[in-house]
Amino acid sequence: MDLAREIASTFIEVLVAPSFSDKAREVLKTKENLRLLQLSDPVVDAAVRTIDGGALVQITPAMREEWKVVSDRDPTADEEAAMMLAMKVCKHVKSNAIIFADNSRVLGIGAGQMSRVDSAKIAISKAQFPLAGSVVASDAFLPFPDTLEVAADAGATALIQPGGSIRDNEVIAEANRRKMAMIFTGIRYFRH
């Protein structure tokens, strides 16, 4: 009810929510020209780019369905929560994207570089909080262990990436050597 009153006192023309209680509807009904849209199912996450003569549509699949632990060590619950957050951010950042996060916030973002290592170094330099115990997300596979090495040296304990490099085994071996958890998502999020 308090939220409904707050919304009713603000300039809003359309309100979208999974549901509205009868009491909230009564309060919101007093606001002239306010349209309530109930949307209970998740919206398809799609990127649309227009091209000459048409459009390209890329639908983003559900995030966790394809995750596969490829390291000897499974991620902890906190690392897994941090990975989810980091990947949610990563898919919206310009490639090559490297995101450092913990389970409650993004710690550093590196983006738009030709090299994932450079993106990782930028993310580290921009971090406003210590990176010890953080996780790292990459929007594309790691072609070499170098990005993982930079992330681990900065304090990361887990890494999530699409996988699919011809050198995946080298990257996995380095993660295991450093006792890091690593997940392959099978999904690339290039954003150029």
N, C-alpha and C. Protein backbone atom coordinates (compact mmCIF):
# COMPACT_ATOMS: atom_id res chain seq x y z
N MET A 1 0.83 -1.19 0.00
CA MET A 1 0.00 0.00 0.00
C MET A 1 0.86 1.25 0.00
N ASP A 2 1.94 1.27 0.81
CA ASP A 2 2.81 2.44 0.85
C ASP A 2 3.44 2.69 -0.52
N LEU A 3 3.87 1.61 -1.16
CA LEU A 3 4.45 1.74 -2.49
C LEU A 3 3.42 2.27 -3.47
N ALA A 4 2.21 1.77 -3.42
CA ALA A 4 1.14 2.25 -4.31
C ALA A 4 0.88 3.73 -4.09
N ARG A 5 0.88 4.17 -2.85
CA ARG A 5 0.68 5.61 -2.56
C ARG A 5 1.84 6.44 -3.11
N GLU A 6 3.05 5.93 -2.93
CA GLU A 6 4.23 6.64 -3.45
C GLU A 6 4.17 6.75 -4.97
N ILE A 7 3.80 5.67 -5.62
CA ILE A 7 3.68 5.68 -7.08
C ILE A 7 2.58 6.64 -7.51
N ALA A 8 1.47 6.63 -6.82
CA ALA A 8 0.35 7.51 -7.16
C ALA A 8 0.72 8.98 -7.03
N SER A 9 1.70 9.29 -6.19
CA SER A 9 2.10 10.70 -6.01
C SER A 9 3.20 11.13 -6.97
N THR A 10 3.63 10.24 -7.84
CA THR A 10 4.70 10.52 -8.79
C THR A 10 4.15 10.52 -10.21
N PHE A 11 4.84 11.24 -11.13
CA PHE A 11 4.40 11.24 -12.52
C PHE A 11 4.81 9.92 -13.17
N ILE A 12 3.83 9.08 -13.41
CA ILE A 12 4.03 7.80 -14.09
C ILE A 12 2.80 7.58 -14.96
N GLU A 13 3.04 7.16 -16.20
CA GLU A 13 1.93 6.90 -17.10
C GLU A 13 1.62 5.42 -17.23
N VAL A 14 2.65 4.58 -17.10
CA VAL A 14 2.48 3.13 -17.24
C VAL A 14 3.24 2.44 -16.12
N LEU A 15 2.60 1.46 -15.51
CA LEU A 15 3.23 0.67 -14.46
C LEU A 15 3.11 -0.80 -14.84
N VAL A 16 4.25 -1.48 -14.92
CA VAL A 16 4.28 -2.90 -15.27
C VAL A 16 4.73 -3.68 -14.04
N ALA A 17 3.99 -4.72 -13.68
CA ALA A 17 4.33 -5.55 -12.53
C ALA A 17 3.78 -6.95 -12.73
N PRO A 18 4.33 -7.93 -12.00
CA PRO A 18 3.82 -9.30 -12.12
C PRO A 18 2.38 -9.43 -11.62
N SER A 19 2.00 -8.58 -10.65
CA SER A 19 0.63 -8.61 -10.14
C SER A 19 0.36 -7.32 -9.37
N PHE A 20 -0.92 -7.06 -9.13
CA PHE A 20 -1.36 -5.90 -8.34
C PHE A 20 -2.41 -6.39 -7.36
N SER A 21 -2.26 -6.04 -6.10
CA SER A 21 -3.29 -6.40 -5.12
C SER A 21 -4.52 -5.51 -5.36
N ASP A 22 -5.66 -5.97 -4.87
CA ASP A 22 -6.89 -5.17 -5.01
C ASP A 22 -6.73 -3.81 -4.34
N LYS A 23 -6.09 -3.78 -3.18
CA LYS A 23 -5.89 -2.51 -2.47
C LYS A 23 -4.99 -1.58 -3.27
N ALA A 24 -3.93 -2.12 -3.85
CA ALA A 24 -3.03 -1.30 -4.67
C ALA A 24 -3.77 -0.75 -5.88
N ARG A 25 -4.60 -1.58 -6.50
CA ARG A 25 -5.39 -1.11 -7.65
C ARG A 25 -6.29 0.06 -7.26
N GLU A 26 -6.91 -0.03 -6.07
CA GLU A 26 -7.79 1.05 -5.59
C GLU A 26 -7.02 2.36 -5.46
N VAL A 27 -5.82 2.27 -4.87
CA VAL A 27 -4.99 3.47 -4.69
C VAL A 27 -4.53 4.01 -6.04
N LEU A 28 -4.08 3.12 -6.90
CA LEU A 28 -3.55 3.55 -8.20
C LEU A 28 -4.65 4.05 -9.14
N LYS A 29 -5.87 3.61 -8.92
CA LYS A 29 -7.01 4.03 -9.74
C LYS A 29 -7.25 5.54 -9.62
N THR A 30 -6.82 6.13 -8.51
CA THR A 30 -7.02 7.57 -8.30
C THR A 30 -6.10 8.41 -9.19
N LYS A 31 -5.07 7.81 -9.75
CA LYS A 31 -4.14 8.54 -10.61
C LYS A 31 -4.69 8.55 -12.04
N GLU A 32 -4.96 9.74 -12.52
CA GLU A 32 -5.55 9.90 -13.85
C GLU A 32 -4.57 9.45 -14.94
N ASN A 33 -5.07 8.74 -15.91
CA ASN A 33 -4.32 8.29 -17.09
C ASN A 33 -3.21 7.28 -16.80
N LEU A 34 -3.20 6.69 -15.63
CA LEU A 34 -2.21 5.66 -15.32
C LEU A 34 -2.71 4.33 -15.86
N ARG A 35 -1.86 3.67 -16.64
CA ARG A 35 -2.21 2.36 -17.17
C ARG A 35 -1.41 1.30 -16.42
N LEU A 36 -2.11 0.27 -15.96
CA LEU A 36 -1.48 -0.84 -15.27
C LEU A 36 -1.37 -2.01 -16.22
N LEU A 37 -0.17 -2.53 -16.36
CA LEU A 37 0.05 -3.71 -17.20
C LEU A 37 0.58 -4.83 -16.32
N GLN A 38 -0.15 -5.93 -16.33
CA GLN A 38 0.27 -7.10 -15.56
C GLN A 38 1.00 -8.04 -16.49
N LEU A 39 2.26 -8.32 -16.17
CA LEU A 39 3.10 -9.17 -17.01
C LEU A 39 3.74 -10.22 -16.11
N SER A 40 3.10 -11.38 -16.04
CA SER A 40 3.56 -12.39 -15.09
C SER A 40 4.68 -13.26 -15.64
N ASP A 41 4.73 -13.47 -16.95
CA ASP A 41 5.79 -14.29 -17.53
C ASP A 41 6.98 -13.42 -17.89
N PRO A 42 8.20 -13.97 -17.79
CA PRO A 42 9.36 -13.17 -18.16
C PRO A 42 9.33 -12.80 -19.64
N VAL A 43 9.82 -11.64 -19.92
CA VAL A 43 9.90 -11.17 -21.29
C VAL A 43 11.12 -11.82 -21.95
N VAL A 44 11.00 -12.15 -23.22
CA VAL A 44 12.14 -12.69 -23.96
C VAL A 44 13.20 -11.60 -24.05
N ASP A 45 14.42 -11.94 -23.69
CA ASP A 45 15.53 -11.00 -23.75
C ASP A 45 16.13 -11.09 -25.15
N ALA A 46 15.83 -10.11 -25.99
CA ALA A 46 16.29 -10.15 -27.37
C ALA A 46 16.97 -8.85 -27.74
N ALA A 47 18.02 -8.96 -28.53
CA ALA A 47 18.69 -7.79 -29.08
C ALA A 47 18.30 -7.72 -30.55
N VAL A 48 17.85 -6.55 -30.98
CA VAL A 48 17.44 -6.36 -32.36
C VAL A 48 18.34 -5.31 -33.00
N ARG A 49 18.91 -5.64 -34.15
CA ARG A 49 19.74 -4.71 -34.92
C ARG A 49 19.14 -4.62 -36.32
N THR A 50 18.87 -3.40 -36.75
CA THR A 50 18.34 -3.25 -38.10
C THR A 50 19.49 -3.29 -39.10
N ILE A 51 19.20 -3.88 -40.24
CA ILE A 51 20.15 -3.93 -41.35
C ILE A 51 19.40 -3.55 -42.60
N ASP A 52 20.13 -3.27 -43.66
CA ASP A 52 19.49 -2.93 -44.92
C ASP A 52 18.57 -4.07 -45.36
N GLY A 53 17.30 -3.79 -45.44
CA GLY A 53 16.35 -4.79 -45.89
C GLY A 53 15.83 -5.71 -44.81
N GLY A 54 16.08 -5.43 -43.54
CA GLY A 54 15.55 -6.32 -42.50
C GLY A 54 16.13 -6.04 -41.13
N ALA A 55 16.18 -7.10 -40.34
CA ALA A 55 16.68 -6.97 -38.97
C ALA A 55 17.31 -8.29 -38.54
N LEU A 56 18.24 -8.19 -37.62
CA LEU A 56 18.83 -9.37 -36.98
C LEU A 56 18.30 -9.43 -35.56
N VAL A 57 17.83 -10.58 -35.14
CA VAL A 57 17.31 -10.75 -33.79
C VAL A 57 18.12 -11.85 -33.11
N GLN A 58 18.68 -11.50 -31.96
CA GLN A 58 19.43 -12.48 -31.17
C GLN A 58 18.71 -12.65 -29.84
N ILE A 59 18.22 -13.85 -29.60
CA ILE A 59 17.51 -14.13 -28.35
C ILE A 59 18.51 -14.69 -27.35
N THR A 60 18.56 -14.08 -26.19
CA THR A 60 19.46 -14.53 -25.13
C THR A 60 18.82 -15.69 -24.38
N PRO A 61 19.46 -16.84 -24.36
CA PRO A 61 18.89 -17.99 -23.66
C PRO A 61 18.95 -17.82 -22.14
N ALA A 62 18.20 -18.64 -21.46
CA ALA A 62 18.23 -18.64 -19.99
C ALA A 62 19.66 -18.90 -19.53
N MET A 63 20.04 -18.26 -18.45
CA MET A 63 21.45 -18.26 -18.07
C MET A 63 21.97 -19.57 -17.49
N ARG A 64 21.35 -20.13 -16.50
CA ARG A 64 21.98 -21.22 -15.76
C ARG A 64 21.77 -22.60 -16.35
N GLU A 65 20.90 -22.74 -17.30
CA GLU A 65 20.56 -24.08 -17.79
C GLU A 65 21.75 -24.83 -18.38
N GLU A 66 22.67 -24.11 -18.99
CA GLU A 66 23.78 -24.77 -19.69
C GLU A 66 25.10 -24.73 -18.91
N TRP A 67 25.10 -24.21 -17.70
CA TRP A 67 26.34 -24.09 -16.95
C TRP A 67 26.94 -25.46 -16.64
N LYS A 68 28.27 -25.54 -16.78
CA LYS A 68 28.96 -26.81 -16.52
C LYS A 68 30.25 -26.50 -15.76
N VAL A 69 30.40 -27.08 -14.59
CA VAL A 69 31.65 -26.94 -13.83
C VAL A 69 32.70 -27.78 -14.54
N VAL A 70 33.82 -27.14 -14.92
CA VAL A 70 34.88 -27.84 -15.65
C VAL A 70 36.16 -27.96 -14.83
N SER A 71 36.19 -27.32 -13.67
CA SER A 71 37.37 -27.37 -12.80
C SER A 71 37.22 -28.50 -11.79
N ASP A 72 38.31 -28.81 -11.12
CA ASP A 72 38.26 -29.82 -10.06
C ASP A 72 37.40 -29.35 -8.89
N ARG A 73 37.41 -28.05 -8.64
CA ARG A 73 36.68 -27.48 -7.51
C ARG A 73 35.37 -26.87 -7.98
N ASP A 74 34.28 -27.21 -7.29
CA ASP A 74 32.99 -26.57 -7.55
C ASP A 74 32.99 -25.17 -6.95
N PRO A 75 32.25 -24.24 -7.54
CA PRO A 75 32.13 -22.93 -6.92
C PRO A 75 31.33 -23.02 -5.63
N THR A 76 31.65 -22.16 -4.68
CA THR A 76 30.85 -22.06 -3.46
C THR A 76 29.52 -21.39 -3.81
N ALA A 77 28.59 -21.40 -2.88
CA ALA A 77 27.30 -20.72 -3.11
C ALA A 77 27.51 -19.23 -3.35
N ASP A 78 28.42 -18.61 -2.59
CA ASP A 78 28.71 -17.18 -2.79
C ASP A 78 29.33 -16.93 -4.16
N GLU A 79 30.26 -17.80 -4.56
CA GLU A 79 30.88 -17.64 -5.88
C GLU A 79 29.84 -17.81 -6.98
N GLU A 80 28.95 -18.76 -6.83
CA GLU A 80 27.92 -18.98 -7.84
C GLU A 80 26.99 -17.76 -7.94
N ALA A 81 26.62 -17.19 -6.82
CA ALA A 81 25.78 -15.98 -6.83
C ALA A 81 26.52 -14.83 -7.50
N ALA A 82 27.81 -14.71 -7.21
CA ALA A 82 28.63 -13.66 -7.83
C ALA A 82 28.76 -13.89 -9.33
N MET A 83 28.88 -15.15 -9.74
CA MET A 83 28.97 -15.47 -11.17
C MET A 83 27.69 -15.06 -11.89
N MET A 84 26.55 -15.32 -11.26
CA MET A 84 25.27 -14.94 -11.86
C MET A 84 25.22 -13.43 -12.06
N LEU A 85 25.60 -12.68 -11.05
CA LEU A 85 25.61 -11.22 -11.15
C LEU A 85 26.58 -10.77 -12.24
N ALA A 86 27.79 -11.31 -12.22
CA ALA A 86 28.80 -10.90 -13.19
C ALA A 86 28.36 -11.19 -14.62
N MET A 87 27.72 -12.34 -14.86
CA MET A 87 27.26 -12.66 -16.22
C MET A 87 26.10 -11.77 -16.64
N LYS A 88 25.23 -11.41 -15.71
CA LYS A 88 24.13 -10.50 -16.05
C LYS A 88 24.67 -9.17 -16.53
N VAL A 89 25.73 -8.70 -15.89
CA VAL A 89 26.35 -7.44 -16.30
C VAL A 89 27.14 -7.64 -17.59
N CYS A 90 27.88 -8.72 -17.65
CA CYS A 90 28.78 -9.00 -18.77
C CYS A 90 28.06 -9.00 -20.12
N LYS A 91 26.86 -9.53 -20.15
CA LYS A 91 26.15 -9.64 -21.43
C LYS A 91 25.71 -8.28 -21.97
N HIS A 92 25.82 -7.23 -21.15
CA HIS A 92 25.42 -5.89 -21.59
C HIS A 92 26.61 -4.96 -21.82
N VAL A 93 27.81 -5.47 -21.64
CA VAL A 93 29.02 -4.65 -21.74
C VAL A 93 29.70 -4.92 -23.08
N LYS A 94 30.31 -3.88 -23.64
CA LYS A 94 30.96 -3.99 -24.94
C LYS A 94 32.12 -4.99 -24.88
N SER A 95 32.19 -5.85 -25.88
CA SER A 95 33.24 -6.87 -25.95
C SER A 95 34.60 -6.22 -26.23
N ASN A 96 35.63 -6.81 -25.80
CA ASN A 96 35.79 -7.98 -24.97
C ASN A 96 35.55 -7.59 -23.51
N ALA A 97 34.57 -8.15 -22.88
CA ALA A 97 34.17 -7.75 -21.53
C ALA A 97 34.73 -8.69 -20.48
N ILE A 98 35.28 -8.10 -19.43
CA ILE A 98 35.73 -8.83 -18.25
C ILE A 98 35.13 -8.12 -17.04
N ILE A 99 34.40 -8.87 -16.21
CA ILE A 99 33.72 -8.31 -15.05
C ILE A 99 34.21 -9.01 -13.79
N PHE A 100 34.62 -8.22 -12.79
CA PHE A 100 34.93 -8.74 -11.46
C PHE A 100 33.73 -8.43 -10.58
N ALA A 101 33.30 -9.38 -9.77
CA ALA A 101 32.14 -9.16 -8.88
C ALA A 101 32.28 -10.02 -7.64
N ASP A 102 31.54 -9.61 -6.60
CA ASP A 102 31.32 -10.51 -5.48
C ASP A 102 29.82 -10.81 -5.47
N ASN A 103 29.31 -11.42 -4.42
CA ASN A 103 27.90 -11.84 -4.48
C ASN A 103 26.91 -10.70 -4.27
N SER A 104 27.41 -9.47 -4.07
CA SER A 104 26.48 -8.36 -3.86
C SER A 104 26.72 -7.15 -4.76
N ARG A 105 27.85 -7.12 -5.46
CA ARG A 105 28.13 -5.94 -6.28
C ARG A 105 29.19 -6.23 -7.34
N VAL A 106 29.18 -5.39 -8.36
CA VAL A 106 30.22 -5.43 -9.38
C VAL A 106 31.40 -4.65 -8.82
N LEU A 107 32.59 -5.21 -8.98
CA LEU A 107 33.80 -4.60 -8.42
C LEU A 107 34.63 -3.89 -9.48
N GLY A 108 34.62 -4.40 -10.70
CA GLY A 108 35.41 -3.79 -11.77
C GLY A 108 34.91 -4.24 -13.12
N ILE A 109 34.94 -3.33 -14.09
CA ILE A 109 34.51 -3.64 -15.45
C ILE A 109 35.61 -3.21 -16.41
N GLY A 110 36.00 -4.13 -17.28
CA GLY A 110 36.92 -3.83 -18.37
C GLY A 110 36.22 -4.19 -19.66
N ALA A 111 36.25 -3.29 -20.64
CA ALA A 111 35.46 -3.54 -21.85
C ALA A 111 36.05 -2.85 -23.06
N GLY A 112 35.61 -3.30 -24.23
CA GLY A 112 35.90 -2.63 -25.48
C GLY A 112 37.33 -2.74 -25.96
N GLN A 113 38.09 -3.70 -25.45
CA GLN A 113 39.49 -3.84 -25.83
C GLN A 113 39.66 -4.97 -26.84
N MET A 114 40.76 -4.94 -27.57
CA MET A 114 41.07 -6.01 -28.52
C MET A 114 41.50 -7.28 -27.78
N SER A 115 41.96 -7.12 -26.56
CA SER A 115 42.50 -8.23 -25.78
C SER A 115 41.74 -8.38 -24.47
N ARG A 116 41.39 -9.61 -24.12
CA ARG A 116 40.73 -9.86 -22.84
C ARG A 116 41.68 -9.55 -21.67
N VAL A 117 42.97 -9.77 -21.88
CA VAL A 117 43.95 -9.45 -20.83
C VAL A 117 43.91 -7.95 -20.54
N ASP A 118 43.87 -7.12 -21.59
CA ASP A 118 43.79 -5.67 -21.39
C ASP A 118 42.49 -5.30 -20.68
N SER A 119 41.39 -5.94 -21.07
CA SER A 119 40.11 -5.69 -20.39
C SER A 119 40.20 -6.06 -18.91
N ALA A 120 40.86 -7.17 -18.61
CA ALA A 120 41.02 -7.59 -17.21
C ALA A 120 41.85 -6.57 -16.44
N LYS A 121 42.92 -6.09 -17.05
CA LYS A 121 43.77 -5.09 -16.39
C LYS A 121 43.01 -3.79 -16.14
N ILE A 122 42.17 -3.39 -17.09
CA ILE A 122 41.35 -2.20 -16.90
C ILE A 122 40.36 -2.42 -15.75
N ALA A 123 39.71 -3.58 -15.73
CA ALA A 123 38.76 -3.88 -14.65
C ALA A 123 39.45 -3.83 -13.29
N ILE A 124 40.66 -4.35 -13.23
CA ILE A 124 41.43 -4.34 -11.97
C ILE A 124 41.76 -2.90 -11.58
N SER A 125 42.19 -2.10 -12.55
CA SER A 125 42.57 -0.71 -12.24
C SER A 125 41.38 0.14 -11.85
N LYS A 126 40.19 -0.21 -12.32
CA LYS A 126 38.98 0.56 -12.01
C LYS A 126 38.30 0.10 -10.72
N ALA A 127 38.71 -1.03 -10.20
CA ALA A 127 38.04 -1.58 -9.01
C ALA A 127 38.18 -0.62 -7.83
N GLN A 128 37.08 -0.40 -7.15
CA GLN A 128 37.05 0.49 -5.98
C GLN A 128 37.08 -0.30 -4.67
N PHE A 129 37.06 -1.61 -4.78
CA PHE A 129 37.06 -2.48 -3.60
C PHE A 129 38.10 -3.57 -3.83
N PRO A 130 38.58 -4.20 -2.75
CA PRO A 130 39.54 -5.30 -2.92
C PRO A 130 38.94 -6.43 -3.76
N LEU A 131 39.78 -7.07 -4.54
CA LEU A 131 39.32 -8.14 -5.43
C LEU A 131 39.55 -9.53 -4.84
N ALA A 132 40.12 -9.62 -3.66
CA ALA A 132 40.34 -10.93 -3.03
C ALA A 132 39.00 -11.63 -2.83
N GLY A 133 38.90 -12.86 -3.34
CA GLY A 133 37.67 -13.63 -3.20
C GLY A 133 36.62 -13.31 -4.25
N SER A 134 36.96 -12.49 -5.22
CA SER A 134 35.99 -12.12 -6.27
C SER A 134 35.90 -13.22 -7.32
N VAL A 135 34.92 -13.08 -8.20
CA VAL A 135 34.80 -13.95 -9.37
C VAL A 135 34.96 -13.08 -10.61
N VAL A 136 35.25 -13.74 -11.72
CA VAL A 136 35.43 -13.03 -12.99
C VAL A 136 34.52 -13.67 -14.03
N ALA A 137 33.90 -12.81 -14.84
CA ALA A 137 33.10 -13.28 -15.97
C ALA A 137 33.70 -12.73 -17.25
N SER A 138 33.69 -13.55 -18.28
CA SER A 138 34.13 -13.13 -19.61
C SER A 138 33.01 -13.40 -20.60
N ASP A 139 32.79 -12.46 -21.53
CA ASP A 139 31.72 -12.64 -22.51
C ASP A 139 32.10 -13.59 -23.63
N ALA A 140 33.38 -13.95 -23.71
CA ALA A 140 33.85 -14.85 -24.76
C ALA A 140 34.83 -15.85 -24.15
N PHE A 141 35.10 -16.93 -24.88
CA PHE A 141 36.03 -17.93 -24.35
C PHE A 141 37.42 -17.33 -24.16
N LEU A 142 38.16 -17.92 -23.24
CA LEU A 142 39.54 -17.51 -23.02
C LEU A 142 40.43 -18.37 -23.92
N PRO A 143 41.09 -17.75 -24.90
CA PRO A 143 41.90 -18.54 -25.83
C PRO A 143 43.21 -19.04 -25.23
N PHE A 144 43.63 -18.41 -24.15
CA PHE A 144 44.87 -18.77 -23.45
C PHE A 144 44.63 -18.62 -21.95
N PRO A 145 45.49 -19.18 -21.11
CA PRO A 145 45.34 -19.02 -19.66
C PRO A 145 45.67 -17.61 -19.15
N ASP A 146 46.19 -16.73 -20.00
CA ASP A 146 46.71 -15.44 -19.53
C ASP A 146 45.69 -14.57 -18.80
N THR A 147 44.46 -14.52 -19.28
CA THR A 147 43.43 -13.71 -18.61
C THR A 147 43.12 -14.29 -17.23
N LEU A 148 43.02 -15.60 -17.15
CA LEU A 148 42.80 -16.26 -15.86
C LEU A 148 43.95 -15.97 -14.90
N GLU A 149 45.18 -15.98 -15.40
CA GLU A 149 46.35 -15.70 -14.56
C GLU A 149 46.29 -14.28 -14.00
N VAL A 150 45.95 -13.31 -14.84
CA VAL A 150 45.83 -11.91 -14.40
C VAL A 150 44.74 -11.79 -13.34
N ALA A 151 43.60 -12.44 -13.58
CA ALA A 151 42.47 -12.39 -12.64
C ALA A 151 42.85 -13.04 -11.31
N ALA A 152 43.48 -14.20 -11.37
CA ALA A 152 43.88 -14.90 -10.14
C ALA A 152 44.91 -14.10 -9.36
N ASP A 153 45.86 -13.49 -10.06
CA ASP A 153 46.87 -12.67 -9.38
C ASP A 153 46.24 -11.47 -8.68
N ALA A 154 45.09 -11.01 -9.19
CA ALA A 154 44.38 -9.89 -8.57
C ALA A 154 43.52 -10.34 -7.39
N GLY A 155 43.33 -11.66 -7.23
CA GLY A 155 42.57 -12.16 -6.08
C GLY A 155 41.32 -12.94 -6.42
N ALA A 156 41.00 -13.09 -7.70
CA ALA A 156 39.80 -13.85 -8.09
C ALA A 156 39.97 -15.32 -7.73
N THR A 157 38.87 -15.93 -7.29
CA THR A 157 38.89 -17.35 -6.90
C THR A 157 38.04 -18.22 -7.81
N ALA A 158 37.30 -17.60 -8.73
CA ALA A 158 36.45 -18.36 -9.64
C ALA A 158 36.27 -17.57 -10.93
N LEU A 159 35.99 -18.30 -12.00
CA LEU A 159 35.84 -17.67 -13.31
C LEU A 159 34.72 -18.35 -14.07
N ILE A 160 33.94 -17.56 -14.78
CA ILE A 160 32.87 -18.08 -15.62
C ILE A 160 33.07 -17.53 -17.02
N GLN A 161 32.95 -18.41 -18.00
CA GLN A 161 33.18 -18.04 -19.39
C GLN A 161 32.44 -19.03 -20.29
N PRO A 162 32.28 -18.70 -21.58
CA PRO A 162 31.56 -19.62 -22.47
C PRO A 162 32.27 -20.94 -22.72
N GLY A 163 33.61 -20.93 -22.73
CA GLY A 163 34.34 -22.12 -23.16
C GLY A 163 34.27 -22.24 -24.67
N GLY A 164 34.98 -23.19 -25.22
CA GLY A 164 34.93 -23.42 -26.66
C GLY A 164 36.23 -23.12 -27.38
N SER A 165 37.27 -22.78 -26.64
CA SER A 165 38.58 -22.54 -27.25
C SER A 165 39.27 -23.88 -27.53
N ILE A 166 40.14 -23.89 -28.53
CA ILE A 166 40.91 -25.12 -28.77
C ILE A 166 41.91 -25.36 -27.65
N ARG A 167 42.13 -24.35 -26.81
CA ARG A 167 43.04 -24.48 -25.67
C ARG A 167 42.30 -24.52 -24.33
N ASP A 168 41.02 -24.89 -24.34
CA ASP A 168 40.27 -24.98 -23.09
C ASP A 168 41.00 -25.80 -22.04
N ASN A 169 41.62 -26.91 -22.46
CA ASN A 169 42.30 -27.78 -21.50
C ASN A 169 43.43 -27.06 -20.77
N GLU A 170 44.13 -26.16 -21.46
CA GLU A 170 45.20 -25.38 -20.83
C GLU A 170 44.63 -24.41 -19.79
N VAL A 171 43.51 -23.79 -20.13
CA VAL A 171 42.87 -22.84 -19.22
C VAL A 171 42.33 -23.59 -18.00
N ILE A 172 41.71 -24.74 -18.22
CA ILE A 172 41.19 -25.56 -17.11
C ILE A 172 42.35 -26.01 -16.21
N ALA A 173 43.45 -26.44 -16.81
CA ALA A 173 44.61 -26.89 -16.03
C ALA A 173 45.15 -25.75 -15.16
N GLU A 174 45.18 -24.54 -15.70
CA GLU A 174 45.66 -23.39 -14.91
C GLU A 174 44.69 -23.07 -13.78
N ALA A 175 43.39 -23.17 -14.05
CA ALA A 175 42.40 -22.95 -12.99
C ALA A 175 42.59 -23.98 -11.88
N ASN A 176 42.79 -25.22 -12.25
CA ASN A 176 43.01 -26.27 -11.25
C ASN A 176 44.31 -26.05 -10.47
N ARG A 177 45.36 -25.64 -11.17
CA ARG A 177 46.64 -25.38 -10.51
C ARG A 177 46.49 -24.28 -9.46
N ARG A 178 45.64 -23.31 -9.75
CA ARG A 178 45.43 -22.19 -8.83
C ARG A 178 44.25 -22.43 -7.88
N LYS A 179 43.68 -23.62 -7.91
CA LYS A 179 42.55 -23.99 -7.03
C LYS A 179 41.33 -23.10 -7.26
N MET A 180 41.14 -22.66 -8.50
CA MET A 180 39.99 -21.83 -8.85
C MET A 180 38.85 -22.71 -9.34
N ALA A 181 37.64 -22.26 -9.08
CA ALA A 181 36.46 -22.90 -9.68
C ALA A 181 36.26 -22.25 -11.05
N MET A 182 35.84 -23.06 -12.02
CA MET A 182 35.56 -22.50 -13.34
C MET A 182 34.33 -23.16 -13.93
N ILE A 183 33.49 -22.33 -14.52
CA ILE A 183 32.26 -22.78 -15.17
C ILE A 183 32.30 -22.37 -16.63
N PHE A 184 31.86 -23.28 -17.50
CA PHE A 184 31.60 -22.97 -18.90
C PHE A 184 30.09 -22.81 -19.06
N THR A 185 29.68 -21.74 -19.72
CA THR A 185 28.25 -21.49 -19.94
C THR A 185 27.77 -22.01 -21.28
N GLY A 186 28.67 -22.12 -22.24
CA GLY A 186 28.26 -22.51 -23.59
C GLY A 186 27.60 -21.37 -24.36
N ILE A 187 27.57 -20.17 -23.77
CA ILE A 187 26.88 -19.03 -24.39
C ILE A 187 27.83 -17.85 -24.47
N ARG A 188 28.02 -17.31 -25.69
CA ARG A 188 28.84 -16.11 -25.87
C ARG A 188 27.92 -14.90 -25.91
N TYR A 189 28.40 -13.80 -25.38
CA TYR A 189 27.63 -12.55 -25.35
C TYR A 189 28.38 -11.42 -26.03
N PHE A 190 28.89 -11.63 -27.22
CA PHE A 190 29.60 -10.56 -27.91
C PHE A 190 28.71 -9.36 -28.12
N ARG A 191 29.26 -8.20 -27.84
CA ARG A 191 28.54 -6.94 -28.02
C ARG A 191 29.50 -5.94 -28.64
N HIS A 192 29.45 -5.81 -29.95
CA HIS A 192 30.37 -4.91 -30.65
C HIS A 192 29.66 -3.67 -31.10
